[in-house]
Amino acid sequence: MNGRLDPAQQAWIHADETRAVMIALLSDGGDARFVGGAVRNALLGLDVDDIDIATPLLPEEVTRRLEAARIKAVPTGIDHGTVTAISGGRPFEVTTLRRDVETDGRHAVIAFSESWEEDASRRDFTLNALYASQDGEVFDYFGGLADLEARHIRFIGDPVARIREDYLRILRLFRFHAWYGRGEMDEQALVAVEAERAGLARLSGERIQKEMLRLLEAKNPSAAIRIMARSGILQEIIPDGSQPDRLEHLVAIDTTNGFRPDPIQRLSALLPADTGIASAVVERLRLSNENRDRVVDLADRRPEISAETSRQTLRKLIYRLGKVRLCDRIILRWADDTNASHNAGWRNLFDEATKWDIPKFPLSGRDVVEAGIAPGPLVGSILSQIEDEWIESDFTKDRSMLAQRLRTMVHDSGN
């Protein structure tokens, strides 16, 4: 792989906001290089989103230079040497070169450094320890270019030492393999993560959640998930009954139909049909309330849906559950169904569920009161009964028909 980027072909390098930050850092004998994901993705021909910059300049000097150039400097991680530059509305994380003084598997005590190689040595994988100058020269201290070309995810130095610095690197190994890897995973890395997997218990749920969801968001995380299951890593997160087969089928459905990967759907596919287990997992992962409710809801396989479900029944379910909940159920039941001849039926159900406009029930409680029913529980009871009949008619009864039914019910009630 060529160890140079052509800035003319990299819009993010020659963008005005990027140039402004680099000019501020490079002026008067300063030094700065792009590092990590931006360099990796640029070399792979992928989109570059976040731009991180490394520099031997101390945070106070970084802040001074940025402010002198009229670039906002935010001390987002000042204790670890990170200042966020806001240039043209875009954030750039600028971090002083570092070395680890002490680590406990979750956090690190660092000291600032002037050595690029020392800074590279504290990073996790070789392909994340690539630096690039503003003119496109790539600096590689640990064989990252060769690993990147081979799509091989390899720890820098001793894998056990890297993992013990931060146990989240166990999950990052699988996430990076799912996104960037190809072929077999690194044998030394697998031995190390299996031996150190108990360290995951020391991590916060939020950190585990972030890595798991990013892993599941990969185009095809199935192989990585299967290796996690074989090595006992997945059991540290989903203790009982994980379902890699179901996830694999869901991934195939996404790929075949051009669906965007949904990490919450995929997490739900991994879980057994047990709301108790689902509740325990989402509590461990500290999911948001919305995602927590969604995962637990999907662990309940009711109501039953099949590829042969009638359109009338489907419309009832859309009305009762809403489009999001029903579409989730369709996709997951589809993932349960390994009969390929049913695929067209499932796709038709999904299309119907996404395209059908949910009608509004024509009557309200006010209509019932105006018909002669005193405010109270009976109003809701009558309204609910009429709504059920409207739904059973496949939503065909109009307001006048429902109003006539209301008058009949009021008369029969003696009011």
Protein backbone atom coordinates (compact mmCIF):
# COMPACT_ATOMS: atom_id res chain seq x y z
CA MET A 1 0.00 0.00 0.00
CA ASN A 2 1.28 3.44 -0.95
CA GLY A 3 2.53 5.31 2.09
CA ARG A 4 1.35 8.68 0.83
CA LEU A 5 -1.95 10.46 0.47
CA ASP A 6 -2.59 12.87 -2.39
CA PRO A 7 -4.06 15.95 -0.68
CA ALA A 8 -5.64 16.98 -3.99
CA GLN A 9 -7.71 13.80 -3.84
CA GLN A 10 -8.63 14.26 -0.19
CA ALA A 11 -11.22 17.00 0.17
CA TRP A 12 -11.02 16.85 3.96
CA ILE A 13 -7.29 17.74 3.93
CA HIS A 14 -7.53 20.81 1.73
CA ALA A 15 -10.87 22.02 3.11
CA ASP A 16 -10.61 25.59 4.41
CA GLU A 17 -11.56 24.63 7.97
CA THR A 18 -8.89 21.91 8.10
CA ARG A 19 -6.21 24.15 6.63
CA ALA A 20 -6.98 26.87 9.16
CA VAL A 21 -6.36 24.51 12.09
CA MET A 22 -3.19 23.04 10.59
CA ILE A 23 -1.75 26.47 9.70
CA ALA A 24 -2.26 27.58 13.31
CA LEU A 25 -0.49 24.49 14.68
CA LEU A 26 2.33 24.38 12.13
CA SER A 27 3.29 28.05 12.24
CA ASP A 28 6.45 29.21 14.06
CA GLY A 29 8.09 25.80 14.08
CA GLY A 30 5.07 23.85 15.33
CA ASP A 31 4.35 20.29 14.26
CA ALA A 32 1.08 18.43 13.77
CA ARG A 33 -0.16 15.35 11.93
CA PHE A 34 -3.49 13.73 11.21
CA VAL A 35 -3.86 10.44 13.05
CA GLY A 36 -6.09 7.40 13.41
CA GLY A 37 -9.40 6.90 11.64
CA ALA A 38 -9.07 9.77 9.17
CA VAL A 39 -5.76 8.42 7.85
CA ARG A 40 -6.96 4.82 7.88
CA ASN A 41 -10.17 5.58 6.01
CA ALA A 42 -8.46 7.86 3.50
CA LEU A 43 -5.98 5.10 2.63
CA LEU A 44 -8.87 2.66 2.18
CA GLY A 45 -10.80 5.08 0.00
CA LEU A 46 -13.58 5.40 2.57
CA ASP A 47 -15.38 8.51 3.78
CA VAL A 48 -13.60 10.54 6.43
CA ASP A 49 -15.87 11.87 9.17
CA ASP A 50 -13.97 12.64 12.38
CA ILE A 51 -10.57 14.29 12.01
CA ASP A 52 -8.10 13.82 14.86
CA ILE A 53 -4.80 15.65 15.00
CA ALA A 54 -1.72 14.83 17.09
CA THR A 55 0.95 17.35 18.04
CA PRO A 56 3.94 17.66 20.37
CA LEU A 57 2.62 21.08 21.38
CA LEU A 58 1.30 21.24 24.93
CA PRO A 59 -2.43 21.89 25.40
CA GLU A 60 -1.86 25.45 26.62
CA GLU A 61 0.14 26.24 23.48
CA VAL A 62 -2.44 24.57 21.27
CA THR A 63 -5.14 26.74 22.84
CA ARG A 64 -3.04 29.89 22.47
CA ARG A 65 -2.35 29.24 18.79
CA LEU A 66 -5.95 28.41 17.97
CA GLU A 67 -7.32 31.48 19.71
CA ALA A 68 -4.70 33.67 18.03
CA ALA A 69 -6.00 32.35 14.71
CA ARG A 70 -9.57 33.14 15.85
CA ILE A 71 -10.47 29.47 16.08
CA LYS A 72 -12.57 28.45 19.07
CA ALA A 73 -10.69 26.13 21.45
CA VAL A 74 -12.72 23.93 23.81
CA PRO A 75 -10.89 22.03 26.60
CA THR A 76 -12.91 18.83 26.08
CA GLY A 77 -10.26 16.48 27.47
CA ILE A 78 -7.63 18.80 28.81
CA ASP A 79 -6.42 16.37 31.51
CA HIS A 80 -5.52 13.93 28.73
CA GLY A 81 -4.15 16.61 26.43
CA THR A 82 -7.16 17.06 24.14
CA VAL A 83 -8.41 20.43 22.93
CA THR A 84 -11.27 20.55 20.43
CA ALA A 85 -10.84 23.16 17.72
CA ILE A 86 -14.07 24.41 16.15
CA SER A 87 -13.21 25.62 12.66
CA GLY A 88 -15.87 26.48 10.13
CA GLY A 89 -18.40 24.80 12.42
CA ARG A 90 -16.48 21.50 12.29
CA PRO A 91 -14.78 19.96 15.36
CA PHE A 92 -11.17 18.77 15.27
CA GLU A 93 -9.73 16.94 18.28
CA VAL A 94 -6.17 18.09 18.80
CA THR A 95 -4.25 15.93 21.28
CA THR A 96 -0.74 16.31 22.62
CA LEU A 97 1.58 13.30 22.11
CA ARG A 98 1.34 11.02 25.16
CA ARG A 99 2.71 8.02 26.93
CA ASP A 100 0.96 5.91 29.56
CA VAL A 101 2.29 6.17 33.09
CA GLU A 102 -0.29 3.92 34.76
CA THR A 103 -3.36 1.98 33.59
CA ASP A 104 -6.04 0.00 35.42
CA GLY A 105 -7.98 -1.54 32.57
CA ARG A 106 -10.41 1.37 32.35
CA HIS A 107 -8.51 4.63 32.70
CA ALA A 108 -4.94 5.75 32.11
CA VAL A 109 -2.64 8.20 33.83
CA ILE A 110 -0.65 9.83 31.04
CA ALA A 111 2.38 12.04 30.60
CA PHE A 112 3.00 14.27 27.62
CA SER A 113 5.68 13.27 25.16
CA GLU A 114 7.60 14.64 22.20
CA SER A 115 8.03 11.23 20.56
CA TRP A 116 5.72 10.22 17.72
CA GLU A 117 6.69 6.58 18.10
CA GLU A 118 5.99 6.65 21.83
CA ASP A 119 2.56 8.11 21.13
CA ALA A 120 1.91 5.44 18.49
CA SER A 121 2.94 2.65 20.86
CA ARG A 122 0.07 3.39 23.28
CA ARG A 123 -2.61 2.99 20.61
CA ASP A 124 -4.55 -0.24 20.16
CA PHE A 125 -4.14 -1.57 16.60
CA THR A 126 -1.47 -1.01 13.99
CA LEU A 127 -3.93 0.41 11.46
CA ASN A 128 -5.02 3.03 14.00
CA ALA A 129 -1.44 4.19 14.61
CA LEU A 130 -0.91 5.77 11.20
CA TYR A 131 -0.10 9.47 10.99
CA ALA A 132 -0.16 11.78 7.97
CA SER A 133 1.29 15.22 7.42
CA GLN A 134 -0.63 17.99 5.70
CA ASP A 135 1.23 17.28 2.46
CA GLY A 136 0.15 13.61 2.56
CA GLU A 137 3.25 11.81 3.85
CA VAL A 138 2.23 8.79 5.95
CA PHE A 139 4.21 7.77 9.03
CA ASP A 140 3.99 4.12 10.08
CA TYR A 141 5.86 2.90 13.17
CA PHE A 142 4.41 -0.61 13.64
CA GLY A 143 3.59 -2.12 10.25
CA GLY A 144 0.14 -0.60 10.01
CA LEU A 145 0.29 -0.07 6.24
CA ALA A 146 0.92 -3.76 5.56
CA ASP A 147 -1.84 -4.77 8.00
CA LEU A 148 -4.21 -2.28 6.42
CA GLU A 149 -3.53 -3.65 2.95
CA ALA A 150 -4.13 -7.21 4.23
CA ARG A 151 -7.17 -6.04 6.23
CA HIS A 152 -5.56 -7.67 9.25
CA ILE A 153 -6.46 -6.32 12.72
CA ARG A 154 -3.38 -6.67 14.92
CA PHE A 155 -2.57 -5.26 18.34
CA ILE A 156 0.52 -3.12 18.70
CA GLY A 157 3.11 -5.09 20.66
CA ASP A 158 1.94 -7.58 23.29
CA PRO A 159 -1.86 -8.11 22.94
CA VAL A 160 -2.31 -8.93 26.64
CA ALA A 161 -0.53 -5.74 27.66
CA ARG A 162 -2.67 -3.67 25.28
CA ILE A 163 -5.87 -5.27 26.61
CA ARG A 164 -4.95 -4.79 30.25
CA GLU A 165 -4.47 -1.08 29.54
CA ASP A 166 -8.15 -0.91 28.58
CA TYR A 167 -10.41 -3.98 28.54
CA LEU A 168 -12.70 -2.29 26.03
CA ARG A 169 -10.08 -3.26 23.45
CA ILE A 170 -11.49 -6.80 23.62
CA LEU A 171 -14.69 -5.57 21.98
CA ARG A 172 -12.84 -3.15 19.73
CA LEU A 173 -10.95 -6.09 18.21
CA PHE A 174 -14.23 -7.62 17.02
CA ARG A 175 -15.70 -4.29 15.99
CA PHE A 176 -12.70 -3.39 13.85
CA HIS A 177 -12.62 -6.85 12.32
CA ALA A 178 -16.29 -6.51 11.38
CA TRP A 179 -15.74 -3.11 9.79
CA TYR A 180 -12.27 -3.44 8.26
CA GLY A 181 -11.03 -7.02 8.63
CA ARG A 182 -10.80 -9.76 6.06
CA GLY A 183 -10.02 -13.46 6.43
CA GLU A 184 -9.03 -15.08 9.71
CA MET A 185 -8.65 -13.02 12.85
CA ASP A 186 -5.21 -12.61 14.39
CA GLU A 187 -4.44 -15.75 16.40
CA GLN A 188 -2.42 -14.01 19.11
CA ALA A 189 -5.18 -11.48 19.56
CA LEU A 190 -7.83 -14.18 19.93
CA VAL A 191 -5.81 -16.05 22.53
CA ALA A 192 -5.35 -12.83 24.47
CA VAL A 193 -8.98 -11.68 24.43
CA GLU A 194 -10.21 -15.11 25.49
CA ALA A 195 -7.78 -15.19 28.40
CA GLU A 196 -8.67 -11.64 29.49
CA ARG A 197 -12.43 -11.66 28.87
CA ALA A 198 -13.32 -11.46 32.56
CA GLY A 199 -11.98 -7.91 32.47
CA LEU A 200 -15.12 -6.82 30.60
CA ALA A 201 -16.94 -6.93 33.94
CA ARG A 202 -14.87 -3.92 35.03
CA LEU A 203 -16.21 -1.70 32.25
CA SER A 204 -19.21 0.58 32.44
CA GLY A 205 -22.34 -0.46 30.59
CA GLU A 206 -22.22 2.69 28.50
CA ARG A 207 -18.80 1.85 27.07
CA ILE A 208 -19.79 -1.74 26.29
CA GLN A 209 -23.05 -0.54 24.74
CA LYS A 210 -21.27 1.87 22.42
CA GLU A 211 -18.88 -0.78 21.10
CA MET A 212 -21.56 -3.46 20.73
CA LEU A 213 -23.91 -1.20 18.80
CA ARG A 214 -21.12 0.00 16.52
CA LEU A 215 -20.12 -3.61 15.94
CA LEU A 216 -23.70 -4.58 15.10
CA GLU A 217 -23.98 -1.61 12.75
CA ALA A 218 -21.27 -3.04 10.47
CA LYS A 219 -22.45 -4.28 7.08
CA ASN A 220 -21.92 -7.89 8.16
CA PRO A 221 -20.97 -8.48 11.82
CA SER A 222 -21.98 -12.17 11.74
CA ALA A 223 -18.49 -13.69 11.52
CA ALA A 224 -17.18 -11.50 14.35
CA ILE A 225 -20.19 -12.35 16.53
CA ARG A 226 -19.71 -16.09 15.94
CA ILE A 227 -16.06 -15.86 16.98
CA MET A 228 -17.11 -13.87 20.06
CA ALA A 229 -19.50 -16.70 20.94
CA ARG A 230 -16.88 -19.43 20.42
CA SER A 231 -14.32 -17.62 22.54
CA GLY A 232 -16.74 -16.89 25.40
CA ILE A 233 -16.71 -13.12 24.87
CA LEU A 234 -20.36 -12.87 23.86
CA GLN A 235 -21.43 -14.76 26.98
CA GLU A 236 -19.95 -11.96 29.09
CA ILE A 237 -22.59 -9.66 27.57
CA ILE A 238 -25.48 -12.03 26.79
CA PRO A 239 -25.22 -14.72 29.48
CA ASP A 240 -27.93 -17.07 28.22
CA GLY A 241 -29.11 -18.27 24.84
CA SER A 242 -27.59 -15.90 22.30
CA GLN A 243 -28.72 -16.60 18.74
CA PRO A 244 -25.96 -15.96 16.16
CA ASP A 245 -27.91 -17.94 13.52
CA ARG A 246 -30.87 -15.59 13.80
CA LEU A 247 -28.59 -12.56 13.55
CA GLU A 248 -26.90 -14.01 10.48
CA HIS A 249 -30.26 -14.45 8.76
CA LEU A 250 -31.26 -10.90 9.67
CA VAL A 251 -28.00 -9.59 8.19
CA ALA A 252 -28.74 -11.53 4.99
CA ILE A 253 -32.21 -9.97 4.87
CA ASP A 254 -30.73 -6.49 5.28
CA THR A 255 -28.16 -7.11 2.55
CA THR A 256 -30.56 -8.67 0.03
CA ASN A 257 -33.22 -5.99 0.49
CA GLY A 258 -30.95 -2.99 0.83
CA PHE A 259 -32.10 -2.25 4.37
CA ARG A 260 -29.91 0.01 6.46
CA PRO A 261 -28.33 -1.90 9.38
CA ASP A 262 -30.30 -1.29 12.57
CA PRO A 263 -28.13 -2.16 15.60
CA ILE A 264 -31.11 -2.33 17.97
CA GLN A 265 -32.92 -4.79 15.71
CA ARG A 266 -29.72 -6.81 15.45
CA LEU A 267 -29.19 -6.81 19.20
CA SER A 268 -32.78 -8.02 19.60
CA ALA A 269 -32.11 -10.76 17.05
CA LEU A 270 -29.22 -12.00 19.21
CA LEU A 271 -31.42 -12.32 22.28
CA PRO A 272 -33.70 -15.26 23.10
CA ALA A 273 -37.48 -14.85 23.36
CA ASP A 274 -37.28 -14.07 27.04
CA THR A 275 -38.19 -10.64 28.39
CA GLY A 276 -36.31 -11.37 31.62
CA ILE A 277 -33.03 -11.97 29.80
CA ALA A 278 -33.67 -8.98 27.54
CA SER A 279 -34.29 -6.76 30.57
CA ALA A 280 -31.05 -7.91 32.21
CA VAL A 281 -29.02 -7.29 29.04
CA VAL A 282 -30.40 -3.81 28.39
CA GLU A 283 -29.84 -2.89 32.02
CA ARG A 284 -26.21 -4.01 31.77
CA LEU A 285 -25.76 -2.03 28.56
CA ARG A 286 -27.45 1.05 29.99
CA LEU A 287 -29.50 1.62 26.85
CA SER A 288 -31.61 4.74 26.49
CA ASN A 289 -35.20 4.42 27.67
CA GLU A 290 -36.44 4.31 24.08
CA ASN A 291 -34.03 1.55 23.02
CA ARG A 292 -34.49 -0.36 26.27
CA ASP A 293 -38.26 -0.48 25.76
CA ARG A 294 -37.81 -1.48 22.13
CA VAL A 295 -35.51 -4.42 22.93
CA VAL A 296 -37.66 -5.74 25.79
CA ASP A 297 -40.80 -5.33 23.67
CA LEU A 298 -39.24 -7.38 20.86
CA ALA A 299 -38.30 -10.21 23.24
CA ASP A 300 -42.05 -10.90 23.48
CA ARG A 301 -42.91 -12.79 20.28
CA ARG A 302 -46.58 -11.84 20.45
CA PRO A 303 -48.60 -11.27 18.35
CA GLU A 304 -47.89 -14.11 15.96
CA ILE A 305 -47.02 -12.99 12.44
CA SER A 306 -46.18 -15.15 9.44
CA ALA A 307 -45.40 -14.55 5.78
CA GLU A 308 -49.03 -15.52 5.06
CA THR A 309 -50.56 -12.98 7.45
CA SER A 310 -53.53 -11.37 5.68
CA ARG A 311 -53.48 -7.71 4.73
CA GLN A 312 -56.53 -7.05 6.89
CA THR A 313 -54.83 -8.58 9.94
CA LEU A 314 -51.68 -6.63 9.12
CA ARG A 315 -53.58 -3.34 9.04
CA LYS A 316 -55.13 -4.15 12.43
CA LEU A 317 -51.66 -4.72 13.85
CA ILE A 318 -50.29 -1.52 12.33
CA TYR A 319 -53.15 0.43 13.90
CA ARG A 320 -52.68 -1.20 17.32
CA LEU A 321 -48.88 -1.29 17.46
CA GLY A 322 -47.75 1.57 15.22
CA LYS A 323 -45.45 1.27 12.23
CA VAL A 324 -42.12 1.12 14.05
CA ARG A 325 -43.13 -1.66 16.45
CA LEU A 326 -44.79 -3.70 13.72
CA CYS A 327 -41.93 -3.31 11.23
CA ASP A 328 -39.52 -4.44 13.95
CA ARG A 329 -41.65 -7.53 14.50
CA ILE A 330 -41.91 -8.30 10.80
CA ILE A 331 -38.13 -8.13 10.36
CA LEU A 332 -37.41 -10.32 13.40
CA ARG A 333 -40.06 -12.91 12.54
CA TRP A 334 -38.63 -12.95 9.04
CA ALA A 335 -35.23 -13.65 10.59
CA ASP A 336 -36.80 -16.62 12.40
CA ASP A 337 -38.14 -18.04 9.14
CA THR A 338 -35.43 -19.89 7.20
CA ASN A 339 -37.77 -20.97 4.38
CA ALA A 340 -36.52 -18.96 1.38
CA SER A 341 -39.84 -19.42 -0.43
CA HIS A 342 -41.42 -17.12 2.18
CA ASN A 343 -39.12 -14.17 1.46
CA ALA A 344 -41.46 -12.52 -1.05
CA GLY A 345 -44.34 -12.75 1.42
CA TRP A 346 -42.30 -11.15 4.18
CA ARG A 347 -41.12 -8.36 1.89
CA ASN A 348 -44.71 -7.66 0.82
CA LEU A 349 -45.76 -7.45 4.46
CA PHE A 350 -42.93 -5.05 5.23
CA ASP A 351 -43.77 -2.83 2.25
CA GLU A 352 -47.44 -2.76 3.23
CA ALA A 353 -46.57 -1.84 6.80
CA THR A 354 -44.33 1.04 5.74
CA LYS A 355 -46.62 2.45 3.06
CA TRP A 356 -50.09 2.18 4.60
CA ASP A 357 -51.35 5.44 6.06
CA ILE A 358 -52.85 4.83 9.49
CA PRO A 359 -56.40 6.28 9.52
CA LYS A 360 -57.75 8.40 12.34
CA PHE A 361 -60.74 7.04 14.23
CA PRO A 362 -63.64 9.35 13.19
CA LEU A 363 -65.31 9.63 16.59
CA SER A 364 -64.23 11.05 19.93
CA GLY A 365 -65.44 11.08 23.51
CA ARG A 366 -67.18 14.38 22.80
CA ASP A 367 -69.38 12.65 20.22
CA VAL A 368 -70.46 10.10 22.83
CA VAL A 369 -71.29 12.81 25.39
CA GLU A 370 -73.24 14.82 22.82
CA ALA A 371 -75.19 11.65 22.00
CA GLY A 372 -76.48 11.60 25.58
CA ILE A 373 -73.97 9.67 27.69
CA ALA A 374 -72.87 11.41 30.87
CA PRO A 375 -69.10 11.88 31.25
CA GLY A 376 -67.57 8.86 32.96
CA PRO A 377 -66.24 5.34 32.33
CA LEU A 378 -69.17 4.43 30.07
CA VAL A 379 -68.01 7.00 27.50
CA GLY A 380 -64.70 5.22 27.05
CA SER A 381 -66.34 1.80 27.02
CA ILE A 382 -68.77 2.73 24.24
CA LEU A 383 -66.10 4.51 22.23
CA SER A 384 -63.77 1.51 22.52
CA GLN A 385 -66.48 -0.91 21.37
CA ILE A 386 -67.28 1.22 18.32
CA GLU A 387 -63.59 1.56 17.52
CA ASP A 388 -63.20 -2.24 17.67
CA GLU A 389 -66.09 -2.63 15.20
CA TRP A 390 -64.50 0.00 12.92
CA ILE A 391 -61.22 -1.90 12.98
CA GLU A 392 -63.01 -5.20 12.24
CA SER A 393 -64.63 -3.55 9.21
CA ASP A 394 -61.07 -3.00 7.93
CA PHE A 395 -61.55 0.72 8.61
CA THR A 396 -64.27 0.99 5.94
CA LYS A 397 -67.10 2.44 8.06
CA ASP A 398 -67.23 6.21 7.71
CA ARG A 399 -68.21 8.79 10.30
CA SER A 400 -71.92 8.72 9.45
CA MET A 401 -72.09 4.94 9.80
CA LEU A 402 -70.25 5.06 13.12
CA ALA A 403 -72.48 7.89 14.37
CA GLN A 404 -75.54 5.79 13.55
CA ARG A 405 -74.03 2.89 15.49
CA LEU A 406 -73.38 5.25 18.40
CA ARG A 407 -77.01 6.40 18.45
CA THR A 408 -78.15 2.77 18.46
CA MET A 409 -75.88 1.92 21.40
CA VAL A 410 -77.06 4.97 23.36
CA HIS A 411 -80.66 4.06 22.74
CA ASP A 412 -80.10 0.45 23.76
CA SER A 413 -78.37 1.60 26.95
CA GLY A 414 -81.53 3.41 28.02
CA ASN A 415 -80.05 6.91 27.82
